Amino acid sequence: MANIVSVERATVALGTATVLDGVSLGVSGGDRIGVVGRNGGGKTTLLNVLAGTRVPDTGRVTRTGVATVG
């Protein structure tokens, strides 16, 4: 199945801290994802990039379908 959201080499820095560093991943239709990590590790930032509410500092996000965030 094709990805409805693809992230390629995304980097996001908050102040002096890089919370996402060269992240690449794809989410296919019907996928359910969960993100686990330490506090301040970039979980919310990653989900915001996937949802389209945050643009990465570098890299590319491609959306090819309709996705819902729940």
PDB file of N, CA and C in Angstrom:
ATOM      1  N   MET A   1       0.850  -1.183   0.000  1.00  0.00           N
ATOM      2  CA  MET A   1       0.000   0.000   0.000  1.00  0.00           C
ATOM      3  C   MET A   1       0.888   1.237   0.000  1.00  0.00           C
ATOM      4  N   ALA A   2       0.494   2.258  -0.708  1.00  0.00           N
ATOM      5  CA  ALA A   2       1.274   3.492  -0.818  1.00  0.00           C
ATOM      6  C   ALA A   2       1.164   4.322   0.454  1.00  0.00           C
ATOM      7  N   ASN A   3       2.214   5.094   0.710  1.00  0.00           N
ATOM      8  CA  ASN A   3       2.206   5.979   1.870  1.00  0.00           C
ATOM      9  C   ASN A   3       1.268   7.149   1.636  1.00  0.00           C
ATOM     10  N   ILE A   4       0.521   7.510   2.682  1.00  0.00           N
ATOM     11  CA  ILE A   4      -0.300   8.713   2.597  1.00  0.00           C
ATOM     12  C   ILE A   4       0.459   9.906   3.168  1.00  0.00           C
ATOM     13  N   VAL A   5       1.459   9.639   4.003  1.00  0.00           N
ATOM     14  CA  VAL A   5       2.368  10.673   4.511  1.00  0.00           C
ATOM     15  C   VAL A   5       3.770  10.097   4.466  1.00  0.00           C
ATOM     16  N   SER A   6       4.684  10.829   3.851  1.00  0.00           N
ATOM     17  CA  SER A   6       6.092  10.440   3.811  1.00  0.00           C
ATOM     18  C   SER A   6       6.935  11.585   4.341  1.00  0.00           C
ATOM     19  N   VAL A   7       7.886  11.262   5.196  1.00  0.00           N
ATOM     20  CA  VAL A   7       8.819  12.241   5.740  1.00  0.00           C
ATOM     21  C   VAL A   7      10.211  11.816   5.295  1.00  0.00           C
ATOM     22  N   GLU A   8      10.947  12.754   4.720  1.00  0.00           N
ATOM     23  CA  GLU A   8      12.284  12.456   4.221  1.00  0.00           C
ATOM     24  C   GLU A   8      13.301  13.414   4.824  1.00  0.00           C
ATOM     25  N   ARG A   9      14.234  12.877   5.597  1.00  0.00           N
ATOM     26  CA  ARG A   9      15.361  13.616   6.173  1.00  0.00           C
ATOM     27  C   ARG A   9      14.934  14.910   6.878  1.00  0.00           C
ATOM     28  N   ALA A  10      13.893  14.818   7.701  1.00  0.00           N
ATOM     29  CA  ALA A  10      13.376  15.994   8.407  1.00  0.00           C
ATOM     30  C   ALA A  10      14.226  16.307   9.633  1.00  0.00           C
ATOM     31  N   THR A  11      14.500  17.586   9.788  1.00  0.00           N
ATOM     32  CA  THR A  11      15.231  18.069  10.954  1.00  0.00           C
ATOM     33  C   THR A  11      14.458  19.238  11.548  1.00  0.00           C
ATOM     34  N   VAL A  12      14.320  19.215  12.874  1.00  0.00           N
ATOM     35  CA  VAL A  12      13.667  20.318  13.587  1.00  0.00           C
ATOM     36  C   VAL A  12      14.510  20.647  14.806  1.00  0.00           C
ATOM     37  N   ALA A  13      14.839  21.924  14.954  1.00  0.00           N
ATOM     38  CA  ALA A  13      15.573  22.403  16.124  1.00  0.00           C
ATOM     39  C   ALA A  13      14.672  23.352  16.900  1.00  0.00           C
ATOM     40  N   LEU A  14      14.705  23.208  18.207  1.00  0.00           N
ATOM     41  CA  LEU A  14      13.982  24.109  19.106  1.00  0.00           C
ATOM     42  C   LEU A  14      15.029  24.803  19.962  1.00  0.00           C
ATOM     43  N   GLY A  15      15.271  26.056  19.676  1.00  0.00           N
ATOM     44  CA  GLY A  15      16.355  26.756  20.360  1.00  0.00           C
ATOM     45  C   GLY A  15      17.683  26.148  19.945  1.00  0.00           C
ATOM     46  N   THR A  16      18.475  25.722  20.917  1.00  0.00           N
ATOM     47  CA  THR A  16      19.769  25.115  20.615  1.00  0.00           C
ATOM     48  C   THR A  16      19.697  23.594  20.554  1.00  0.00           C
ATOM     49  N   ALA A  17      18.536  23.021  20.845  1.00  0.00           N
ATOM     50  CA  ALA A  17      18.389  21.562  20.854  1.00  0.00           C
ATOM     51  C   ALA A  17      17.766  21.072  19.546  1.00  0.00           C
ATOM     52  N   THR A  18      18.393  20.079  18.930  1.00  0.00           N
ATOM     53  CA  THR A  18      17.832  19.433  17.747  1.00  0.00           C
ATOM     54  C   THR A  18      16.979  18.273  18.225  1.00  0.00           C
ATOM     55  N   VAL A  19      15.659  18.341  18.003  1.00  0.00           N
ATOM     56  CA  VAL A  19      14.764  17.296  18.505  1.00  0.00           C
ATOM     57  C   VAL A  19      14.465  16.239  17.441  1.00  0.00           C
ATOM     58  N   LEU A  20      14.543  16.609  16.167  1.00  0.00           N
ATOM     59  CA  LEU A  20      14.451  15.637  15.074  1.00  0.00           C
ATOM     60  C   LEU A  20      15.680  15.846  14.205  1.00  0.00           C
ATOM     61  N   ASP A  21      16.390  14.776  13.912  1.00  0.00           N
ATOM     62  CA  ASP A  21      17.638  14.892  13.169  1.00  0.00           C
ATOM     63  C   ASP A  21      17.664  13.872  12.038  1.00  0.00           C
ATOM     64  N   GLY A  22      17.276  14.298  10.855  1.00  0.00           N
ATOM     65  CA  GLY A  22      17.322  13.431   9.687  1.00  0.00           C
ATOM     66  C   GLY A  22      16.323  12.292   9.712  1.00  0.00           C
ATOM     67  N   VAL A  23      15.115  12.546  10.209  1.00  0.00           N
ATOM     68  CA  VAL A  23      14.087  11.514  10.348  1.00  0.00           C
ATOM     69  C   VAL A  23      13.444  11.235   8.989  1.00  0.00           C
ATOM     70  N   SER A  24      13.335   9.940   8.652  1.00  0.00           N
ATOM     71  CA  SER A  24      12.631   9.512   7.443  1.00  0.00           C
ATOM     72  C   SER A  24      11.676   8.390   7.821  1.00  0.00           C
ATOM     73  N   LEU A  25      10.431   8.486   7.351  1.00  0.00           N
ATOM     74  CA  LEU A  25       9.447   7.435   7.621  1.00  0.00           C
ATOM     75  C   LEU A  25       8.256   7.605   6.711  1.00  0.00           C
ATOM     76  N   GLY A  26       7.436   6.580   6.644  1.00  0.00           N
ATOM     77  CA  GLY A  26       6.213   6.633   5.868  1.00  0.00           C
ATOM     78  C   GLY A  26       5.063   6.033   6.645  1.00  0.00           C
ATOM     79  N   VAL A  27       3.877   6.576   6.432  1.00  0.00           N
ATOM     80  CA  VAL A  27       2.662   6.067   7.066  1.00  0.00           C
ATOM     81  C   VAL A  27       1.700   5.684   5.944  1.00  0.00           C
ATOM     82  N   SER A  28       1.296   4.419   5.930  1.00  0.00           N
ATOM     83  CA  SER A  28       0.380   3.920   4.900  1.00  0.00           C
ATOM     84  C   SER A  28      -1.058   4.000   5.374  1.00  0.00           C
ATOM     85  N   GLY A  29      -1.993   3.946   4.444  1.00  0.00           N
ATOM     86  CA  GLY A  29      -3.413   3.943   4.774  1.00  0.00           C
ATOM     87  C   GLY A  29      -3.750   2.793   5.691  1.00  0.00           C
ATOM     88  N   GLY A  30      -4.503   3.057   6.727  1.00  0.00           N
ATOM     89  CA  GLY A  30      -4.896   2.035   7.687  1.00  0.00           C
ATOM     90  C   GLY A  30      -3.912   1.840   8.827  1.00  0.00           C
ATOM     91  N   ASP A  31      -2.717   2.444   8.739  1.00  0.00           N
ATOM     92  CA  ASP A  31      -1.734   2.322   9.815  1.00  0.00           C
ATOM     93  C   ASP A  31      -2.205   3.065  11.051  1.00  0.00           C
ATOM     94  N   ARG A  32      -1.865   2.522  12.178  1.00  0.00           N
ATOM     95  CA  ARG A  32      -2.033   3.213  13.456  1.00  0.00           C
ATOM     96  C   ARG A  32      -0.646   3.282  14.056  1.00  0.00           C
ATOM     97  N   ILE A  33      -0.251   4.459  14.492  1.00  0.00           N
ATOM     98  CA  ILE A  33       1.099   4.602  15.010  1.00  0.00           C
ATOM     99  C   ILE A  33       1.064   5.116  16.438  1.00  0.00           C
ATOM    100  N   GLY A  34       2.071   4.768  17.170  1.00  0.00           N
ATOM    101  CA  GLY A  34       2.290   5.275  18.514  1.00  0.00           C
ATOM    102  C   GLY A  34       3.745   5.689  18.617  1.00  0.00           C
ATOM    103  N   VAL A  35       4.028   6.676  19.414  1.00  0.00           N
ATOM    104  CA  VAL A  35       5.390   7.175  19.560  1.00  0.00           C
ATOM    105  C   VAL A  35       5.746   7.117  21.031  1.00  0.00           C
ATOM    106  N   VAL A  36       6.848   6.469  21.324  1.00  0.00           N
ATOM    107  CA  VAL A  36       7.297   6.300  22.702  1.00  0.00           C
ATOM    108  C   VAL A  36       8.695   6.886  22.823  1.00  0.00           C
ATOM    109  N   GLY A  37       8.945   7.621  23.894  1.00  0.00           N
ATOM    110  CA  GLY A  37      10.273   8.187  24.120  1.00  0.00           C
ATOM    111  C   GLY A  37      10.296   8.998  25.395  1.00  0.00           C
ATOM    112  N   ARG A  38      11.473   9.497  25.684  1.00  0.00           N
ATOM    113  CA  ARG A  38      11.646  10.276  26.916  1.00  0.00           C
ATOM    114  C   ARG A  38      11.046  11.670  26.764  1.00  0.00           C
ATOM    115  N   ASN A  39      10.823  12.336  27.891  1.00  0.00           N
ATOM    116  CA  ASN A  39      10.314  13.708  27.871  1.00  0.00           C
ATOM    117  C   ASN A  39      11.298  14.601  27.127  1.00  0.00           C
ATOM    118  N   GLY A  40      10.782  15.436  26.244  1.00  0.00           N
ATOM    119  CA  GLY A  40      11.626  16.345  25.487  1.00  0.00           C
ATOM    120  C   GLY A  40      12.343  15.692  24.322  1.00  0.00           C
ATOM    121  N   GLY A  41      11.962  14.461  23.993  1.00  0.00           N
ATOM    122  CA  GLY A  41      12.643  13.717  22.946  1.00  0.00           C
ATOM    123  C   GLY A  41      12.147  13.996  21.540  1.00  0.00           C
ATOM    124  N   GLY A  42      11.090  14.782  21.373  1.00  0.00           N
ATOM    125  CA  GLY A  42      10.605  15.146  20.056  1.00  0.00           C
ATOM    126  C   GLY A  42       9.362  14.404  19.594  1.00  0.00           C
ATOM    127  N   LYS A  43       8.681  13.707  20.512  1.00  0.00           N
ATOM    128  CA  LYS A  43       7.478  12.948  20.133  1.00  0.00           C
ATOM    129  C   LYS A  43       6.382  13.856  19.582  1.00  0.00           C
ATOM    130  N   THR A  44       6.050  14.895  20.296  1.00  0.00           N
ATOM    131  CA  THR A  44       5.001  15.812  19.872  1.00  0.00           C
ATOM    132  C   THR A  44       5.415  16.538  18.606  1.00  0.00           C
ATOM    133  N   THR A  45       6.658  16.918  18.500  1.00  0.00           N
ATOM    134  CA  THR A  45       7.155  17.587  17.299  1.00  0.00           C
ATOM    135  C   THR A  45       7.007  16.676  16.087  1.00  0.00           C
ATOM    136  N   LEU A  46       7.359  15.397  16.226  1.00  0.00           N
ATOM    137  CA  LEU A  46       7.212  14.443  15.128  1.00  0.00           C
ATOM    138  C   LEU A  46       5.752  14.307  14.714  1.00  0.00           C
ATOM    139  N   LEU A  47       4.860  14.179  15.670  1.00  0.00           N
ATOM    140  CA  LEU A  47       3.439  14.055  15.353  1.00  0.00           C
ATOM    141  C   LEU A  47       2.901  15.330  14.703  1.00  0.00           C
ATOM    142  N   ASN A  48       3.393  16.493  15.122  1.00  0.00           N
ATOM    143  CA  ASN A  48       2.988  17.751  14.490  1.00  0.00           C
ATOM    144  C   ASN A  48       3.472  17.820  13.042  1.00  0.00           C
ATOM    145  N   VAL A  49       4.663  17.328  12.779  1.00  0.00           N
ATOM    146  CA  VAL A  49       5.172  17.279  11.402  1.00  0.00           C
ATOM    147  C   VAL A  49       4.307  16.343  10.574  1.00  0.00           C
ATOM    148  N   LEU A  50       3.969  15.184  11.113  1.00  0.00           N
ATOM    149  CA  LEU A  50       3.118  14.235  10.390  1.00  0.00           C
ATOM    150  C   LEU A  50       1.732  14.814  10.129  1.00  0.00           C
ATOM    151  N   ALA A  51       1.190  15.555  11.105  1.00  0.00           N
ATOM    152  CA  ALA A  51      -0.154  16.129  10.970  1.00  0.00           C
ATOM    153  C   ALA A  51      -0.178  17.365  10.083  1.00  0.00           C
ATOM    154  N   GLY A  52       0.986  17.930   9.792  1.00  0.00           N
ATOM    155  CA  GLY A  52       1.043  19.116   8.953  1.00  0.00           C
ATOM    156  C   GLY A  52       0.891  20.420   9.694  1.00  0.00           C
ATOM    157  N   THR A  53       0.944  20.383  11.023  1.00  0.00           N
ATOM    158  CA  THR A  53       0.822  21.610  11.805  1.00  0.00           C
ATOM    159  C   THR A  53       2.170  22.249  12.094  1.00  0.00           C
ATOM    160  N   ARG A  54       3.251  21.556  11.723  1.00  0.00           N
ATOM    161  CA  ARG A  54       4.615  22.092  11.871  1.00  0.00           C
ATOM    162  C   ARG A  54       5.408  21.714  10.636  1.00  0.00           C
ATOM    163  N   VAL A  55       6.131  22.685  10.106  1.00  0.00           N
ATOM    164  CA  VAL A  55       6.986  22.442   8.949  1.00  0.00           C
ATOM    165  C   VAL A  55       8.402  22.179   9.456  1.00  0.00           C
ATOM    166  N   PRO A  56       9.060  21.122   8.989  1.00  0.00           N
ATOM    167  CA  PRO A  56      10.431  20.872   9.446  1.00  0.00           C
ATOM    168  C   PRO A  56      11.385  21.956   8.956  1.00  0.00           C
ATOM    169  N   ASP A  57      12.472  22.175   9.698  1.00  0.00           N
ATOM    170  CA  ASP A  57      13.480  23.163   9.300  1.00  0.00           C
ATOM    171  C   ASP A  57      14.160  22.731   8.006  1.00  0.00           C
ATOM    172  N   THR A  58      14.445  21.451   7.866  1.00  0.00           N
ATOM    173  CA  THR A  58      14.985  20.898   6.630  1.00  0.00           C
ATOM    174  C   THR A  58      14.268  19.593   6.347  1.00  0.00           C
ATOM    175  N   GLY A  59      14.386  19.121   5.123  1.00  0.00           N
ATOM    176  CA  GLY A  59      13.732  17.879   4.749  1.00  0.00           C
ATOM    177  C   GLY A  59      12.413  18.145   4.049  1.00  0.00           C
ATOM    178  N   ARG A  60      11.692  17.053   3.781  1.00  0.00           N
ATOM    179  CA  ARG A  60      10.458  17.164   2.999  1.00  0.00           C
ATOM    180  C   ARG A  60       9.375  16.272   3.581  1.00  0.00           C
ATOM    181  N   VAL A  61       8.150  16.781   3.577  1.00  0.00           N
ATOM    182  CA  VAL A  61       6.979  16.011   3.986  1.00  0.00           C
ATOM    183  C   VAL A  61       6.027  15.998   2.797  1.00  0.00           C
ATOM    184  N   THR A  62       5.595  14.793   2.392  1.00  0.00           N
ATOM    185  CA  THR A  62       4.690  14.650   1.266  1.00  0.00           C
ATOM    186  C   THR A  62       3.417  13.966   1.732  1.00  0.00           C
ATOM    187  N   ARG A  63       2.281  14.556   1.396  1.00  0.00           N
ATOM    188  CA  ARG A  63       0.978  13.972   1.715  1.00  0.00           C
ATOM    189  C   ARG A  63       0.284  13.632   0.410  1.00  0.00           C
ATOM    190  N   THR A  64      -0.153  12.367   0.272  1.00  0.00           N
ATOM    191  CA  THR A  64      -0.791  11.959  -0.968  1.00  0.00           C
ATOM    192  C   THR A  64      -2.228  11.499  -0.768  1.00  0.00           C
ATOM    193  N   GLY A  65      -2.697  11.521   0.455  1.00  0.00           N
ATOM    194  CA  GLY A  65      -4.058  11.065   0.718  1.00  0.00           C
ATOM    195  C   GLY A  65      -4.667  11.835   1.863  1.00  0.00           C
ATOM    196  N   VAL A  66      -5.794  11.339   2.290  1.00  0.00           N
ATOM    197  CA  VAL A  66      -6.504  11.951   3.402  1.00  0.00           C
ATOM    198  C   VAL A  66      -6.163  11.169   4.660  1.00  0.00           C
ATOM    199  N   ALA A  67      -5.653  11.861   5.649  1.00  0.00           N
ATOM    200  CA  ALA A  67      -5.315  11.234   6.916  1.00  0.00           C
ATOM    201  C   ALA A  67      -6.044  11.966   8.032  1.00  0.00           C
ATOM    202  N   THR A  68      -6.435  11.230   9.060  1.00  0.00           N
ATOM    203  CA  THR A  68      -7.036  11.864  10.223  1.00  0.00           C
ATOM    204  C   THR A  68      -6.143  11.638  11.426  1.00  0.00           C
ATOM    205  N   VAL A  69      -6.165  12.590  12.317  1.00  0.00           N
ATOM    206  CA  VAL A  69      -5.394  12.494  13.548  1.00  0.00           C
ATOM    207  C   VAL A  69      -6.385  12.345  14.674  1.00  0.00           C
ATOM    208  N   GLY A  70      -6.215  11.317  15.476  1.00  0.00           N
ATOM    209  CA  GLY A  70      -7.144  11.082  16.561  1.00  0.00           C
ATOM    210  C   GLY A  70      -6.478  10.789  17.856  1.00  0.00           C
TER     211      GLY A  70
END
